[in-house]
Structures are given as C-alpha cells and as structure tokens.
Amino acid sequence: MAWELIFFLLALAAVSAGCLAPSGWLPVLPNDKLLHFGAFAALTLLALRLAHGWRELGYWLVGLLVAGWVIEVLQNLVPGRRFCWRDLGANAAGIAAAACCAPLLLNY
C-alpha cells in the first residue's frame, strides 16, 4: 500500500505542476478539457486502490474535487493562466467517470 500512496502523490504532483505551469511553458494543447478529464480520471483510479471501503472512497473523491478546485483557484496567480469553470467541470467529470468503475474494480 505504501508504494500505491507514493505513486498517487507523485501523480497528483505531476497533474498539479502541469496545471500550474505558466502558459508559455506548455505547448498549445488541442483539447485542454480532455486532458483535465483524463488526469482526474487517472487520479481517481489510483484513489480506488487506496480506499478501504465505500465511505473512505467518498472521502477520496471529495478530496480530489477539492484539489481540482484549489488548482483552478491557484491558476489566477500564474502568469497567463486563469480560473476556468469548464476545467473544473472536466475535472469533476473525470472523477465521476472513473468512480463509476468502482463497483467493477472493488470488492467492498
């Protein structure tokens, strides 16, 4: 379990770094919303491995939603970046889509 937590934290750090990099540091992306969706779906799938029971999974999912919101708020402090409700929606959609896989992947 320790390696799973370390991997999750590294993935969260990578997603955060990508979302908070100044706009000039990143290539022009064809579909930013799809990247937000995929990143938060991947984080959710990792969280599924860490959760012990449905209640704890709920805490992980709320935590990911809060992390997505905090990242979007912090983007206002980054040159060339801004808060975007659609990014937040894509984050939430990725979390929800991956969470729908929970009954298939877990034996709670």
Protein backbone atom coordinates (compact mmCIF):
# COMPACT_ATOMS: atom_id res chain seq x y z
CA MET A 1 0.00 0.00 0.00
CA ALA A 2 2.88 2.40 0.67
CA TRP A 3 4.01 2.27 -2.96
CA GLU A 4 0.45 2.97 -4.11
CA LEU A 5 0.27 6.09 -1.93
CA ILE A 6 3.67 7.26 -3.16
CA PHE A 7 2.58 6.72 -6.77
CA PHE A 8 -0.67 8.62 -6.15
CA LEU A 9 1.19 11.55 -4.58
CA LEU A 10 3.66 11.66 -7.48
CA ALA A 11 0.78 11.61 -9.97
CA LEU A 12 -1.00 14.38 -8.05
CA ALA A 13 2.20 16.44 -8.05
CA ALA A 14 2.60 15.92 -11.80
CA VAL A 15 -1.00 16.95 -12.50
CA SER A 16 -0.64 19.98 -10.24
CA ALA A 17 2.62 21.01 -11.89
CA GLY A 18 1.08 20.70 -15.34
CA CYS A 19 -1.97 22.70 -14.36
CA LEU A 20 0.04 25.41 -12.61
CA ALA A 21 2.82 25.88 -15.16
CA PRO A 22 2.86 29.33 -16.79
CA SER A 23 1.15 29.27 -20.18
CA GLY A 24 4.39 29.96 -22.07
CA TRP A 25 5.98 26.80 -20.69
CA LEU A 26 3.42 24.47 -22.24
CA PRO A 27 2.80 23.53 -25.85
CA VAL A 28 -0.51 24.54 -27.40
CA LEU A 29 -2.87 21.76 -26.44
CA PRO A 30 -5.59 20.60 -28.83
CA ASN A 31 -8.16 19.84 -26.15
CA ASP A 32 -7.36 21.09 -22.66
CA LYS A 33 -10.65 19.79 -21.25
CA LEU A 34 -9.89 16.24 -22.37
CA LEU A 35 -6.54 16.44 -20.58
CA HIS A 36 -8.24 17.64 -17.38
CA PHE A 37 -10.77 14.81 -17.69
CA GLY A 38 -8.07 12.18 -18.21
CA ALA A 39 -5.79 13.46 -15.47
CA PHE A 40 -8.50 13.44 -12.82
CA ALA A 41 -9.90 10.11 -14.02
CA ALA A 42 -6.42 8.62 -13.62
CA LEU A 43 -6.06 10.12 -10.14
CA THR A 44 -9.45 8.67 -9.22
CA LEU A 45 -8.47 5.20 -10.42
CA LEU A 46 -5.37 5.43 -8.24
CA ALA A 47 -7.53 6.56 -5.30
CA LEU A 48 -9.73 3.50 -5.82
CA ARG A 49 -6.70 1.37 -4.99
CA LEU A 50 -6.09 3.32 -1.78
CA ALA A 51 -9.62 3.44 -0.39
CA HIS A 52 -10.73 0.89 2.19
CA GLY A 53 -14.49 0.80 1.89
CA TRP A 54 -17.13 2.98 0.31
CA ARG A 55 -17.05 5.69 2.96
CA GLU A 56 -13.30 6.17 2.60
CA LEU A 57 -13.69 6.19 -1.17
CA GLY A 58 -16.17 9.04 -0.77
CA TYR A 59 -13.56 11.00 1.19
CA TRP A 60 -11.00 10.42 -1.56
CA LEU A 61 -13.45 11.60 -4.22
CA VAL A 62 -14.33 14.75 -2.29
CA GLY A 63 -10.62 15.35 -1.74
CA LEU A 64 -9.98 15.13 -5.48
CA LEU A 65 -12.82 17.57 -6.18
CA VAL A 66 -11.32 19.99 -3.66
CA ALA A 67 -7.85 19.52 -5.18
CA GLY A 68 -9.25 20.35 -8.63
CA TRP A 69 -10.92 23.46 -7.26
CA VAL A 70 -7.75 24.59 -5.43
CA ILE A 71 -5.67 24.11 -8.57
CA GLU A 72 -8.11 26.22 -10.57
CA VAL A 73 -8.10 28.98 -7.93
CA LEU A 74 -4.28 28.96 -7.81
CA GLN A 75 -4.13 29.37 -11.58
CA ASN A 76 -5.19 33.00 -11.07
CA LEU A 77 -1.74 33.56 -9.52
CA VAL A 78 0.13 32.08 -12.51
CA PRO A 79 1.10 34.33 -15.43
CA GLY A 80 -1.07 33.64 -18.46
CA ARG A 81 -3.42 31.29 -16.60
CA ARG A 82 -6.89 31.87 -15.17
CA PHE A 83 -9.71 30.11 -13.34
CA CYS A 84 -11.99 28.24 -15.74
CA TRP A 85 -15.31 26.70 -14.75
CA ARG A 86 -15.11 24.35 -17.73
CA ASP A 87 -11.78 22.98 -16.48
CA LEU A 88 -13.37 22.40 -13.10
CA GLY A 89 -16.27 20.64 -14.82
CA ALA A 90 -13.86 18.45 -16.80
CA ASN A 91 -12.05 17.55 -13.57
CA ALA A 92 -15.36 16.59 -11.93
CA ALA A 93 -16.47 14.61 -14.99
CA GLY A 94 -13.21 12.64 -14.96
CA ILE A 95 -13.65 11.89 -11.27
CA ALA A 96 -17.27 10.81 -11.79
CA ALA A 97 -16.48 8.64 -14.83
CA ALA A 98 -13.70 6.79 -13.04
CA ALA A 99 -15.78 6.48 -9.86
CA CYS A 100 -18.42 4.68 -11.90
CA CYS A 101 -15.83 1.93 -12.37
CA ALA A 102 -15.60 1.39 -8.61
CA PRO A 103 -18.20 -1.41 -8.45
CA LEU A 104 -16.32 -3.24 -11.20
CA LEU A 105 -12.90 -2.84 -9.62
CA LEU A 106 -13.60 -3.16 -5.91
CA ASN A 107 -14.93 -5.92 -3.71
CA TYR A 108 -16.39 -3.89 -0.84
